[in-house]
């Protein structure tokens, strides 16, 4: 598995928790049910916050 910064891990952990509570929404406003999507959202938020996260693959 890929190694990310501690800050990125915290963001992903937070989004996973939100998803399990049913509070996590995607950009379109729909409820997120997939773990993969929750991780992607967490990494995206970490990037915006300036955490050390590899770039998205095209």
PDB file of N, CA and C in Angstrom:
ATOM      1  N   UNK A   1       0.844  -1.192   0.000  1.00  0.00           N
ATOM      2  CA  UNK A   1       0.000   0.000   0.000  1.00  0.00           C
ATOM      3  C   UNK A   1       0.882   1.247   0.000  1.00  0.00           C
ATOM      4  N   UNK A   2       0.390   2.289  -0.622  1.00  0.00           N
ATOM      5  CA  UNK A   2       1.145   3.535  -0.724  1.00  0.00           C
ATOM      6  C   UNK A   2       1.271   4.209   0.639  1.00  0.00           C
ATOM      7  N   UNK A   3       2.407   4.864   0.862  1.00  0.00           N
ATOM      8  CA  UNK A   3       2.631   5.597   2.114  1.00  0.00           C
ATOM      9  C   UNK A   3       2.355   7.072   1.881  1.00  0.00           C
ATOM     10  N   UNK A   4       1.538   7.638   2.753  1.00  0.00           N
ATOM     11  CA  UNK A   4       1.219   9.056   2.671  1.00  0.00           C
ATOM     12  C   UNK A   4       1.641   9.734   3.961  1.00  0.00           C
ATOM     13  N   UNK A   5       1.608  11.042   3.968  1.00  0.00           N
ATOM     14  CA  UNK A   5       1.997  11.783   5.167  1.00  0.00           C
ATOM     15  C   UNK A   5       0.985  11.546   6.286  1.00  0.00           C
ATOM     16  N   UNK A   6       1.388  11.869   7.496  1.00  0.00           N
ATOM     17  CA  UNK A   6       0.515  11.682   8.663  1.00  0.00           C
ATOM     18  C   UNK A   6      -0.746  12.534   8.539  1.00  0.00           C
ATOM     19  N   UNK A   7      -0.572  13.757   8.031  1.00  0.00           N
ATOM     20  CA  UNK A   7      -1.707  14.678   7.863  1.00  0.00           C
ATOM     21  C   UNK A   7      -2.725  14.097   6.870  1.00  0.00           C
ATOM     22  N   UNK A   8      -2.207  13.481   5.798  1.00  0.00           N
ATOM     23  CA  UNK A   8      -3.082  12.875   4.796  1.00  0.00           C
ATOM     24  C   UNK A   8      -3.848  11.708   5.411  1.00  0.00           C
ATOM     25  N   UNK A   9      -3.171  10.921   6.230  1.00  0.00           N
ATOM     26  CA  UNK A   9      -3.806   9.796   6.898  1.00  0.00           C
ATOM     27  C   UNK A   9      -4.938  10.238   7.805  1.00  0.00           C
ATOM     28  N   UNK A  10      -4.715  11.355   8.496  1.00  0.00           N
ATOM     29  CA  UNK A  10      -5.746  11.893   9.384  1.00  0.00           C
ATOM     30  C   UNK A  10      -6.978  12.338   8.598  1.00  0.00           C
ATOM     31  N   UNK A  11      -6.743  12.978   7.437  1.00  0.00           N
ATOM     32  CA  UNK A  11      -7.860  13.441   6.594  1.00  0.00           C
ATOM     33  C   UNK A  11      -8.677  12.244   6.097  1.00  0.00           C
ATOM     34  N   UNK A  12      -7.968  11.186   5.663  1.00  0.00           N
ATOM     35  CA  UNK A  12      -8.652   9.995   5.151  1.00  0.00           C
ATOM     36  C   UNK A  12      -9.441   9.340   6.285  1.00  0.00           C
ATOM     37  N   UNK A  13      -8.845   9.271   7.462  1.00  0.00           N
ATOM     38  CA  UNK A  13      -9.523   8.683   8.617  1.00  0.00           C
ATOM     39  C   UNK A  13     -10.809   9.447   8.939  1.00  0.00           C
ATOM     40  N   UNK A  14     -10.739  10.765   8.855  1.00  0.00           N
ATOM     41  CA  UNK A  14     -11.902  11.623   9.136  1.00  0.00           C
ATOM     42  C   UNK A  14     -13.016  11.380   8.106  1.00  0.00           C
ATOM     43  N   UNK A  15     -12.641  11.310   6.832  1.00  0.00           N
ATOM     44  CA  UNK A  15     -13.657  11.108   5.792  1.00  0.00           C
ATOM     45  C   UNK A  15     -14.280   9.716   5.882  1.00  0.00           C
ATOM     46  N   UNK A  16     -13.477   8.704   6.245  1.00  0.00           N
ATOM     47  CA  UNK A  16     -14.009   7.348   6.402  1.00  0.00           C
ATOM     48  C   UNK A  16     -15.036   7.322   7.547  1.00  0.00           C
ATOM     49  N   UNK A  17     -14.723   8.020   8.617  1.00  0.00           N
ATOM     50  CA  UNK A  17     -15.628   8.095   9.762  1.00  0.00           C
ATOM     51  C   UNK A  17     -16.947   8.768   9.346  1.00  0.00           C
ATOM     52  N   UNK A  18     -16.831   9.854   8.586  1.00  0.00           N
ATOM     53  CA  UNK A  18     -18.030  10.556   8.097  1.00  0.00           C
ATOM     54  C   UNK A  18     -18.869   9.647   7.199  1.00  0.00           C
ATOM     55  N   UNK A  19     -18.182   8.876   6.335  1.00  0.00           N
ATOM     56  CA  UNK A  19     -18.893   7.981   5.432  1.00  0.00           C
ATOM     57  C   UNK A  19     -19.682   6.944   6.235  1.00  0.00           C
ATOM     58  N   UNK A  20     -19.051   6.374   7.255  1.00  0.00           N
ATOM     59  CA  UNK A  20     -19.711   5.344   8.060  1.00  0.00           C
ATOM     60  C   UNK A  20     -20.909   5.905   8.823  1.00  0.00           C
ATOM     61  N   UNK A  21     -20.862   7.191   9.164  1.00  0.00           N
ATOM     62  CA  UNK A  21     -21.984   7.836   9.839  1.00  0.00           C
ATOM     63  C   UNK A  21     -23.057   8.271   8.852  1.00  0.00           C
ATOM     64  N   UNK A  22     -22.728   8.230   7.547  1.00  0.00           N
ATOM     65  CA  UNK A  22     -23.684   8.626   6.519  1.00  0.00           C
ATOM     66  C   UNK A  22     -23.722  10.127   6.278  1.00  0.00           C
ATOM     67  N   UNK A  23     -22.679  10.835   6.694  1.00  0.00           N
ATOM     68  CA  UNK A  23     -22.650  12.296   6.568  1.00  0.00           C
ATOM     69  C   UNK A  23     -21.789  12.790   5.404  1.00  0.00           C
ATOM     70  N   UNK A  24     -21.002  11.884   4.805  1.00  0.00           N
ATOM     71  CA  UNK A  24     -20.085  12.289   3.737  1.00  0.00           C
ATOM     72  C   UNK A  24     -20.835  12.425   2.415  1.00  0.00           C
ATOM     73  N   UNK A  25     -20.650  13.573   1.764  1.00  0.00           N
ATOM     74  CA  UNK A  25     -21.297  13.842   0.479  1.00  0.00           C
ATOM     75  C   UNK A  25     -20.234  14.065  -0.592  1.00  0.00           C
ATOM     76  N   UNK A  26     -20.545  13.677  -1.811  1.00  0.00           N
ATOM     77  CA  UNK A  26     -19.633  13.914  -2.934  1.00  0.00           C
ATOM     78  C   UNK A  26     -19.844  15.335  -3.447  1.00  0.00           C
ATOM     79  N   UNK A  27     -19.093  15.707  -4.452  1.00  0.00           N
ATOM     80  CA  UNK A  27     -19.190  17.054  -5.023  1.00  0.00           C
ATOM     81  C   UNK A  27     -20.578  17.374  -5.543  1.00  0.00           C
ATOM     82  N   UNK A  28     -21.280  16.361  -6.043  1.00  0.00           N
ATOM     83  CA  UNK A  28     -22.628  16.593  -6.589  1.00  0.00           C
ATOM     84  C   UNK A  28     -23.690  16.617  -5.487  1.00  0.00           C
ATOM     85  N   UNK A  29     -23.274  16.349  -4.250  1.00  0.00           N
ATOM     86  CA  UNK A  29     -24.212  16.406  -3.141  1.00  0.00           C
ATOM     87  C   UNK A  29     -24.830  15.070  -2.776  1.00  0.00           C
ATOM     88  N   UNK A  30     -24.454  14.013  -3.513  1.00  0.00           N
ATOM     89  CA  UNK A  30     -24.993  12.686  -3.214  1.00  0.00           C
ATOM     90  C   UNK A  30     -24.198  12.027  -2.084  1.00  0.00           C
ATOM     91  N   UNK A  31     -24.853  11.138  -1.358  1.00  0.00           N
ATOM     92  CA  UNK A  31     -24.219  10.434  -0.238  1.00  0.00           C
ATOM     93  C   UNK A  31     -23.159   9.462  -0.770  1.00  0.00           C
ATOM     94  N   UNK A  32     -21.993   9.448  -0.121  1.00  0.00           N
ATOM     95  CA  UNK A  32     -20.909   8.547  -0.520  1.00  0.00           C
ATOM     96  C   UNK A  32     -21.089   7.222   0.209  1.00  0.00           C
ATOM     97  N   UNK A  33     -21.070   6.103  -0.553  1.00  0.00           N
ATOM     98  CA  UNK A  33     -21.225   4.785   0.055  1.00  0.00           C
ATOM     99  C   UNK A  33     -19.997   3.910  -0.181  1.00  0.00           C
ATOM    100  N   UNK A  34     -19.136   4.288  -1.113  1.00  0.00           N
ATOM    101  CA  UNK A  34     -17.973   3.479  -1.456  1.00  0.00           C
ATOM    102  C   UNK A  34     -16.738   3.895  -0.648  1.00  0.00           C
ATOM    103  N   UNK A  35     -16.001   2.885  -0.141  1.00  0.00           N
ATOM    104  CA  UNK A  35     -14.779   3.159   0.628  1.00  0.00           C
ATOM    105  C   UNK A  35     -13.737   3.847  -0.252  1.00  0.00           C
ATOM    106  N   UNK A  36     -13.635   3.386  -1.507  1.00  0.00           N
ATOM    107  CA  UNK A  36     -12.662   3.968  -2.435  1.00  0.00           C
ATOM    108  C   UNK A  36     -12.931   5.449  -2.646  1.00  0.00           C
ATOM    109  N   UNK A  37     -14.192   5.807  -2.785  1.00  0.00           N
ATOM    110  CA  UNK A  37     -14.557   7.203  -3.007  1.00  0.00           C
ATOM    111  C   UNK A  37     -14.246   8.035  -1.768  1.00  0.00           C
ATOM    112  N   UNK A  38     -14.473   7.465  -0.582  1.00  0.00           N
ATOM    113  CA  UNK A  38     -14.179   8.167   0.670  1.00  0.00           C
ATOM    114  C   UNK A  38     -12.686   8.436   0.794  1.00  0.00           C
ATOM    115  N   UNK A  39     -11.859   7.458   0.423  1.00  0.00           N
ATOM    116  CA  UNK A  39     -10.405   7.622   0.470  1.00  0.00           C
ATOM    117  C   UNK A  39      -9.978   8.694  -0.518  1.00  0.00           C
ATOM    118  N   UNK A  40     -10.561   8.670  -1.720  1.00  0.00           N
ATOM    119  CA  UNK A  40     -10.221   9.667  -2.745  1.00  0.00           C
ATOM    120  C   UNK A  40     -10.564  11.073  -2.273  1.00  0.00           C
ATOM    121  N   UNK A  41     -11.700  11.226  -1.619  1.00  0.00           N
ATOM    122  CA  UNK A  41     -12.107  12.536  -1.096  1.00  0.00           C
ATOM    123  C   UNK A  41     -11.130  12.986  -0.009  1.00  0.00           C
ATOM    124  N   UNK A  42     -10.745  12.060   0.870  1.00  0.00           N
ATOM    125  CA  UNK A  42      -9.793  12.374   1.939  1.00  0.00           C
ATOM    126  C   UNK A  42      -8.446  12.819   1.399  1.00  0.00           C
ATOM    127  N   UNK A  43      -7.950  12.122   0.382  1.00  0.00           N
ATOM    128  CA  UNK A  43      -6.664  12.492  -0.222  1.00  0.00           C
ATOM    129  C   UNK A  43      -6.762  13.836  -0.937  1.00  0.00           C
ATOM    130  N   UNK A  44      -7.895  14.079  -1.572  1.00  0.00           N
ATOM    131  CA  UNK A  44      -8.111  15.346  -2.260  1.00  0.00           C
ATOM    132  C   UNK A  44      -8.105  16.508  -1.264  1.00  0.00           C
ATOM    133  N   UNK A  45      -8.787  16.313  -0.130  1.00  0.00           N
ATOM    134  CA  UNK A  45      -8.804  17.348   0.914  1.00  0.00           C
ATOM    135  C   UNK A  45      -7.408  17.571   1.468  1.00  0.00           C
ATOM    136  N   UNK A  46      -6.645  16.481   1.619  1.00  0.00           N
ATOM    137  CA  UNK A  46      -5.276  16.587   2.135  1.00  0.00           C
ATOM    138  C   UNK A  46      -4.400  17.389   1.172  1.00  0.00           C
ATOM    139  N   UNK A  47      -4.587  17.143  -0.134  1.00  0.00           N
ATOM    140  CA  UNK A  47      -3.826  17.912  -1.145  1.00  0.00           C
ATOM    141  C   UNK A  47      -4.116  19.403  -1.015  1.00  0.00           C
ATOM    142  N   UNK A  48      -5.400  19.733  -0.884  1.00  0.00           N
ATOM    143  CA  UNK A  48      -5.801  21.136  -0.766  1.00  0.00           C
ATOM    144  C   UNK A  48      -5.235  21.771   0.491  1.00  0.00           C
ATOM    145  N   UNK A  49      -5.079  20.968   1.560  1.00  0.00           N
ATOM    146  CA  UNK A  49      -4.550  21.471   2.826  1.00  0.00           C
ATOM    147  C   UNK A  49      -3.024  21.560   2.808  1.00  0.00           C
ATOM    148  N   UNK A  50      -2.406  21.081   1.723  1.00  0.00           N
ATOM    149  CA  UNK A  50      -0.952  21.187   1.582  1.00  0.00           C
ATOM    150  C   UNK A  50      -0.182  19.997   2.117  1.00  0.00           C
ATOM    151  N   UNK A  51      -0.860  18.881   2.365  1.00  0.00           N
ATOM    152  CA  UNK A  51      -0.182  17.678   2.863  1.00  0.00           C
ATOM    153  C   UNK A  51       0.615  17.033   1.731  1.00  0.00           C
ATOM    154  N   UNK A  52       1.597  16.228   2.112  1.00  0.00           N
ATOM    155  CA  UNK A  52       2.438  15.563   1.122  1.00  0.00           C
ATOM    156  C   UNK A  52       1.698  14.324   0.605  1.00  0.00           C
ATOM    157  N   UNK A  53       1.102  14.473  -0.573  1.00  0.00           N
ATOM    158  CA  UNK A  53       0.328  13.397  -1.192  1.00  0.00           C
ATOM    159  C   UNK A  53       0.713  13.349  -2.679  1.00  0.00           C
ATOM    160  N   UNK A  54       0.990  12.153  -3.212  1.00  0.00           N
ATOM    161  CA  UNK A  54       1.322  12.071  -4.639  1.00  0.00           C
ATOM    162  C   UNK A  54       0.197  12.614  -5.521  1.00  0.00           C
ATOM    163  N   UNK A  55       0.552  13.066  -6.721  1.00  0.00           N
ATOM    164  CA  UNK A  55      -0.435  13.606  -7.656  1.00  0.00           C
ATOM    165  C   UNK A  55      -1.406  12.539  -8.097  1.00  0.00           C
ATOM    166  N   UNK A  56      -2.609  12.969  -8.539  1.00  0.00           N
ATOM    167  CA  UNK A  56      -3.605  12.052  -9.054  1.00  0.00           C
ATOM    168  C   UNK A  56      -3.086  11.441 -10.355  1.00  0.00           C
ATOM    169  N   UNK A  57      -3.421  10.168 -10.598  1.00  0.00           N
ATOM    170  CA  UNK A  57      -3.062   9.516 -11.859  1.00  0.00           C
ATOM    171  C   UNK A  57      -4.069   9.940 -12.918  1.00  0.00           C
ATOM    172  N   UNK A  58      -3.586  10.162 -14.142  1.00  0.00           N
ATOM    173  CA  UNK A  58      -4.490  10.577 -15.225  1.00  0.00           C
ATOM    174  C   UNK A  58      -5.235   9.411 -15.820  1.00  0.00           C
TER     175      UNK A  58
END
